Amino acid sequence: MNDHASKPSGNEARQPPQTQPEQPGEQSEMHPQPESISANYRGAGKLEGRVAVVTGGDSGIGRAVALHFAREGADVVVAYLDEVEDAEETRRLIEAEGVRCALFAGDLGDRAVAERLVELAVSTFDRIDILVNNAGEQHPVDAPEDLETECIERTFRTNVFSYLHVTSLALPHIPEGGSIINTTSVTAARGHKTLLDYSATKGAVQTFTFSLAQAVADRGIRVNAVAPGPIWTPLIPASFDADEVARFGAKTLMKRAGQPSEVAPAYVFLASEDGSYVTGQTLHVNGGGHIGA
């Protein structure tokens, strides 16, 4: 696989039409492969000696974040649902950076599963310095009337409940100077006509971020969010039809989808001393604006 793919520019940027049968999708099945880290990215030891937990870390934005953290010197726990091949590749990439990696599989919408993730992180690495809540799923509907209770509940369990579970369980193990970073979305600010429940979950994540930042400021823990726009991840071919995938990102000012490698440095900034005076904020990485798929 190519984790150093070149980024297209302007009108030349289109993905080949493609779909995947179910979420969250497999990065190994995508073409072209997303770029997880740029060949030009140079680590500077910004997270040396620290321990990070990244949920949804097997592919897409999560893999890119985990790999950037590793290049900056952090040991990483990668949590994922059941995409074993992608997770093992992520571990290979992380360990190639000379740091340690632990994998954890399970549905973090279940609090008991989230508890086992935190137990693994603490038993393996003694503490959690950085928590990245990034697990997510989305299910487009043609009309609001098509929203089904089961799907709404599932989306909220993955996109909101997992963040609440993992955060509340991890907090006793996060020392002063720690950082929590939540993945929200451009849809939290602008909505999306076919991703109604997903957009609602991302709005919830954004307000959770603001509230949590207030709740833990006295502990010396910073809490922020990153709001990606259209990023080329497995969730895209697993969510939309082939024609929508081919047009994905074309409505941004930059007229293309972004790469995970273009989002992950925002997480490094928020996790490191570079972001020491930043809390309760959302960083938008969206190609200059985005409306629709």
Protein backbone atom coordinates (compact mmCIF):
# COMPACT_ATOMS: atom_id res chain seq x y z
CA MET A 1 0.00 0.00 0.00
CA ASN A 2 1.09 3.58 -0.55
CA ASP A 3 1.00 5.79 2.52
CA HIS A 4 2.89 8.53 0.71
CA ALA A 5 0.56 9.20 -2.22
CA SER A 6 0.80 12.58 -3.89
CA LYS A 7 -2.02 15.05 -3.33
CA PRO A 8 -3.80 16.17 -6.49
CA SER A 9 -4.65 19.82 -6.97
CA GLY A 10 -7.62 21.72 -8.28
CA ASN A 11 -9.79 20.24 -10.99
CA GLU A 12 -7.63 17.16 -11.50
CA ALA A 13 -8.81 15.76 -8.17
CA ARG A 14 -11.43 13.04 -8.59
CA GLN A 15 -11.71 9.58 -7.06
CA PRO A 16 -12.60 6.61 -9.25
CA PRO A 17 -16.23 5.55 -8.67
CA GLN A 18 -16.26 2.83 -5.99
CA THR A 19 -18.29 1.51 -3.09
CA GLN A 20 -17.79 -0.82 -0.15
CA PRO A 21 -20.53 -3.07 1.22
CA GLU A 22 -20.56 -2.04 4.87
CA GLN A 23 -19.20 0.42 7.40
CA PRO A 24 -16.74 1.45 8.64
CA GLY A 25 -15.02 0.25 5.45
CA GLU A 26 -11.58 -1.14 4.70
CA GLN A 27 -8.68 1.14 3.78
CA SER A 28 -6.93 -1.78 2.11
CA GLU A 29 -9.76 -1.92 -0.47
CA MET A 30 -9.62 1.75 -1.48
CA HIS A 31 -8.16 3.09 -4.71
CA PRO A 32 -6.29 5.26 -4.67
CA GLN A 33 -5.01 4.59 -1.18
CA PRO A 34 -5.37 7.51 1.25
CA GLU A 35 -2.17 9.22 2.30
CA SER A 36 -1.66 8.65 6.02
CA ILE A 37 1.50 10.72 6.41
CA SER A 38 3.40 12.93 4.02
CA ALA A 39 6.91 11.94 2.98
CA ASN A 40 7.86 15.50 3.94
CA TYR A 41 6.59 15.25 7.52
CA ARG A 42 9.49 15.38 9.95
CA GLY A 43 8.95 14.45 13.57
CA ALA A 44 10.46 16.76 16.19
CA GLY A 45 9.91 14.74 19.36
CA LYS A 46 6.86 16.83 20.27
CA LEU A 47 5.16 13.86 21.96
CA GLU A 48 8.22 11.91 23.06
CA GLY A 49 7.59 9.69 26.07
CA ARG A 50 3.82 10.20 25.97
CA VAL A 51 1.02 7.66 25.66
CA ALA A 52 -1.91 8.19 23.30
CA VAL A 53 -5.18 6.32 22.83
CA VAL A 54 -6.80 6.76 19.41
CA THR A 55 -10.25 5.32 18.78
CA GLY A 56 -11.18 4.49 15.21
CA GLY A 57 -7.44 4.31 14.73
CA ASP A 58 -7.13 1.47 12.24
CA SER A 59 -7.67 3.57 9.10
CA GLY A 60 -8.49 6.98 7.69
CA ILE A 61 -8.04 9.97 9.97
CA GLY A 62 -7.44 7.74 12.99
CA ARG A 63 -4.55 5.91 11.35
CA ALA A 64 -3.04 9.20 10.22
CA VAL A 65 -3.29 10.66 13.72
CA ALA A 66 -1.79 7.56 15.32
CA LEU A 67 1.06 7.53 12.81
CA HIS A 68 1.83 11.24 13.27
CA PHE A 69 1.82 10.76 17.05
CA ALA A 70 4.22 7.85 16.64
CA ARG A 71 6.56 9.91 14.48
CA GLU A 72 6.52 12.53 17.24
CA GLY A 73 7.60 9.87 19.75
CA ALA A 74 4.37 8.68 21.41
CA ASP A 75 3.41 5.11 22.20
CA VAL A 76 -0.09 4.47 20.84
CA VAL A 77 -3.10 2.32 21.69
CA VAL A 78 -5.19 1.88 18.55
CA ALA A 79 -8.84 0.99 19.11
CA TYR A 80 -10.95 -0.28 16.23
CA LEU A 81 -14.17 -2.19 15.59
CA ASP A 82 -13.27 -5.35 13.65
CA GLU A 83 -11.06 -4.35 10.68
CA VAL A 84 -8.17 -6.67 11.56
CA GLU A 85 -6.16 -6.25 8.35
CA ASP A 86 -6.22 -2.45 8.54
CA ALA A 87 -5.41 -2.50 12.26
CA GLU A 88 -2.41 -4.77 11.80
CA GLU A 89 -1.10 -2.55 9.03
CA THR A 90 -1.49 0.47 11.30
CA ARG A 91 0.48 -1.30 14.01
CA ARG A 92 3.21 -2.16 11.51
CA LEU A 93 3.49 1.48 10.45
CA ILE A 94 3.56 2.72 14.05
CA GLU A 95 6.18 0.24 15.21
CA ALA A 96 8.31 1.15 12.19
CA GLU A 97 8.60 4.59 13.82
CA GLY A 98 10.41 2.98 16.77
CA VAL A 99 7.62 3.25 19.34
CA ARG A 100 5.20 0.76 20.89
CA CYS A 101 1.67 0.01 19.73
CA ALA A 102 -1.17 -1.96 21.31
CA LEU A 103 -4.35 -2.92 19.46
CA PHE A 104 -7.85 -3.18 20.92
CA ALA A 105 -10.94 -4.44 19.05
CA GLY A 106 -14.51 -3.81 20.12
CA ASP A 107 -17.61 -1.62 19.96
CA LEU A 108 -16.95 1.33 22.27
CA GLY A 109 -20.62 2.27 22.28
CA ASP A 110 -20.82 -0.44 24.94
CA ARG A 111 -19.47 0.96 28.22
CA ALA A 112 -18.10 -2.42 29.31
CA VAL A 113 -16.02 -2.58 26.14
CA ALA A 114 -14.78 0.98 26.67
CA GLU A 115 -13.76 -0.03 30.19
CA ARG A 116 -11.65 -2.88 28.81
CA LEU A 117 -9.93 -0.46 26.40
CA VAL A 118 -8.92 1.84 29.23
CA GLU A 119 -7.77 -1.12 31.33
CA LEU A 120 -5.58 -2.31 28.45
CA ALA A 121 -4.03 1.14 27.97
CA VAL A 122 -3.26 1.57 31.66
CA SER A 123 -1.98 -1.98 32.20
CA THR A 124 0.27 -1.69 29.14
CA PHE A 125 1.54 1.89 29.45
CA ASP A 126 0.60 2.97 33.04
CA ARG A 127 -1.25 6.13 32.02
CA ILE A 128 -2.99 8.00 29.20
CA ASP A 129 -1.52 11.38 28.25
CA ILE A 130 -3.57 11.96 25.11
CA LEU A 131 -7.03 10.68 24.24
CA VAL A 132 -8.35 11.04 20.71
CA ASN A 133 -12.04 10.17 20.37
CA ASN A 134 -12.39 9.49 16.67
CA ALA A 135 -14.64 6.44 16.13
CA GLY A 136 -17.49 7.25 13.76
CA GLU A 137 -20.12 6.03 11.34
CA GLN A 138 -22.67 7.69 9.05
CA HIS A 139 -25.72 6.55 7.10
CA PRO A 140 -27.17 8.84 4.41
CA VAL A 141 -30.93 8.93 3.85
CA ASP A 142 -32.78 10.25 0.82
CA ALA A 143 -35.41 12.00 2.95
CA PRO A 144 -35.88 12.76 6.65
CA GLU A 145 -38.82 10.34 6.70
CA ASP A 146 -36.35 7.53 6.00
CA LEU A 147 -34.62 7.89 9.37
CA GLU A 148 -35.05 4.70 11.36
CA THR A 149 -34.80 4.45 15.12
CA GLU A 150 -32.34 1.57 15.05
CA CYS A 151 -29.95 3.42 12.77
CA ILE A 152 -30.23 6.66 14.75
CA GLU A 153 -29.42 4.84 17.98
CA ARG A 154 -26.51 3.02 16.38
CA THR A 155 -25.04 6.25 15.01
CA PHE A 156 -25.35 8.00 18.38
CA ARG A 157 -23.81 5.03 20.21
CA THR A 158 -20.73 5.09 17.98
CA ASN A 159 -20.35 8.84 17.52
CA VAL A 160 -21.42 10.15 20.94
CA PHE A 161 -21.79 7.40 23.53
CA SER A 162 -18.33 6.00 22.82
CA TYR A 163 -16.79 9.44 23.35
CA LEU A 164 -18.61 9.85 26.68
CA HIS A 165 -17.76 6.32 27.83
CA VAL A 166 -14.06 6.38 26.96
CA THR A 167 -13.54 9.90 28.25
CA SER A 168 -15.19 9.37 31.63
CA LEU A 169 -13.29 6.10 32.14
CA ALA A 170 -9.95 7.49 30.95
CA LEU A 171 -9.99 10.75 32.90
CA PRO A 172 -8.76 9.27 36.21
CA HIS A 173 -5.64 8.13 34.33
CA ILE A 174 -4.94 11.41 32.48
CA PRO A 175 -2.41 13.54 34.38
CA GLU A 176 -2.06 17.30 34.49
CA GLY A 177 -0.82 18.44 31.09
CA GLY A 178 -2.95 15.85 29.32
CA SER A 179 -4.98 16.49 26.20
CA ILE A 180 -8.33 15.22 24.94
CA ILE A 181 -9.16 15.73 21.26
CA ASN A 182 -12.55 14.90 19.78
CA THR A 183 -13.27 14.46 16.09
CA THR A 184 -16.33 16.46 15.11
CA SER A 185 -17.13 17.52 11.51
CA VAL A 186 -17.87 20.40 9.21
CA THR A 187 -21.45 19.07 9.34
CA ALA A 188 -21.69 20.19 12.99
CA ALA A 189 -21.48 23.78 11.78
CA ARG A 190 -23.18 23.57 8.38
CA GLY A 191 -25.32 20.46 8.43
CA HIS A 192 -25.81 17.98 5.59
CA LYS A 193 -29.13 17.27 3.92
CA THR A 194 -28.65 13.47 3.76
CA LEU A 195 -26.63 12.96 6.97
CA LEU A 196 -29.17 14.20 9.48
CA ASP A 197 -28.45 11.96 12.45
CA TYR A 198 -24.68 12.04 11.77
CA SER A 199 -24.69 15.84 11.73
CA ALA A 200 -26.64 15.84 14.98
CA THR A 201 -24.03 13.59 16.61
CA LYS A 202 -21.22 15.86 15.50
CA GLY A 203 -23.03 18.86 16.93
CA ALA A 204 -23.26 16.93 20.19
CA VAL A 205 -19.52 16.19 20.07
CA GLN A 206 -18.78 19.88 19.59
CA THR A 207 -20.84 20.97 22.60
CA PHE A 208 -19.42 18.08 24.65
CA THR A 209 -15.97 19.43 23.82
CA PHE A 210 -16.81 22.93 25.02
CA SER A 211 -18.42 21.61 28.21
CA LEU A 212 -15.66 19.14 29.05
CA ALA A 213 -13.01 21.82 28.58
CA GLN A 214 -14.71 23.81 31.34
CA ALA A 215 -15.10 20.78 33.58
CA VAL A 216 -11.44 19.74 33.56
CA ALA A 217 -9.58 23.03 33.13
CA ASP A 218 -8.73 23.09 36.84
CA ARG A 219 -7.04 19.71 36.42
CA GLY A 220 -4.67 21.12 33.82
CA ILE A 221 -6.21 19.02 31.04
CA ARG A 222 -6.98 20.66 27.70
CA VAL A 223 -9.96 19.60 25.57
CA ASN A 224 -10.38 20.52 21.92
CA ALA A 225 -11.92 19.25 18.71
CA VAL A 226 -10.95 18.95 15.07
CA ALA A 227 -13.69 19.40 12.46
CA PRO A 228 -12.62 17.80 9.18
CA GLY A 229 -14.32 18.57 5.91
CA PRO A 230 -14.43 15.96 3.12
CA ILE A 231 -11.47 13.65 3.74
CA TRP A 232 -10.67 10.56 1.67
CA THR A 233 -11.24 7.72 4.16
CA PRO A 234 -12.89 4.27 4.05
CA LEU A 235 -16.08 5.77 5.47
CA ILE A 236 -16.71 7.51 2.14
CA PRO A 237 -17.02 4.54 -0.25
CA ALA A 238 -18.79 2.68 2.57
CA SER A 239 -21.39 5.49 2.87
CA PHE A 240 -22.16 6.90 -0.58
CA ASP A 241 -22.93 5.56 -4.03
CA ALA A 242 -20.22 5.39 -6.68
CA ASP A 243 -21.15 8.66 -8.40
CA GLU A 244 -21.16 10.58 -5.11
CA VAL A 245 -17.78 9.09 -4.24
CA ALA A 246 -16.36 10.26 -7.56
CA ARG A 247 -17.54 13.82 -6.84
CA PHE A 248 -16.57 13.79 -3.17
CA GLY A 249 -14.87 17.03 -2.14
CA ALA A 250 -15.49 18.83 -5.44
CA LYS A 251 -17.62 21.52 -3.77
CA THR A 252 -14.84 22.78 -1.52
CA LEU A 253 -12.94 25.92 -2.46
CA MET A 254 -9.96 23.66 -3.19
CA LYS A 255 -12.20 21.47 -5.40
CA ARG A 256 -10.92 18.16 -4.01
CA ALA A 257 -11.15 15.86 -1.05
CA GLY A 258 -8.47 16.21 1.57
CA GLN A 259 -6.07 13.48 2.62
CA PRO A 260 -5.84 12.16 6.21
CA SER A 261 -2.25 13.42 6.20
CA GLU A 262 -3.60 16.96 5.83
CA VAL A 263 -5.78 16.68 8.95
CA ALA A 264 -3.53 14.79 11.37
CA PRO A 265 -1.05 17.65 12.04
CA ALA A 266 -3.93 19.59 13.64
CA TYR A 267 -4.16 16.82 16.24
CA VAL A 268 -0.40 16.98 16.83
CA PHE A 269 -0.68 20.71 17.45
CA LEU A 270 -3.51 20.26 19.96
CA ALA A 271 -1.79 17.34 21.71
CA SER A 272 1.61 19.00 22.05
CA GLU A 273 3.06 21.97 23.88
CA ASP A 274 2.49 23.98 20.70
CA GLY A 275 -1.16 24.11 21.73
CA SER A 276 -0.56 24.78 25.42
CA TYR A 277 -2.85 27.86 25.46
CA VAL A 278 -5.64 26.27 23.42
CA THR A 279 -8.66 24.65 25.06
CA GLY A 280 -12.38 24.57 24.36
CA GLN A 281 -11.74 25.20 20.66
CA THR A 282 -12.55 23.56 17.34
CA LEU A 283 -10.02 23.59 14.50
CA HIS A 284 -11.64 23.41 11.05
CA VAL A 285 -9.70 21.58 8.34
CA ASN A 286 -12.08 21.59 5.41
CA GLY A 287 -10.52 22.80 2.17
CA GLY A 288 -11.96 26.31 2.62
CA GLY A 289 -15.62 25.38 2.95
CA HIS A 290 -17.91 22.52 2.05
CA ILE A 291 -21.57 22.13 1.13
CA GLY A 292 -23.00 18.70 0.38
CA ALA A 293 -21.16 15.49 -0.46
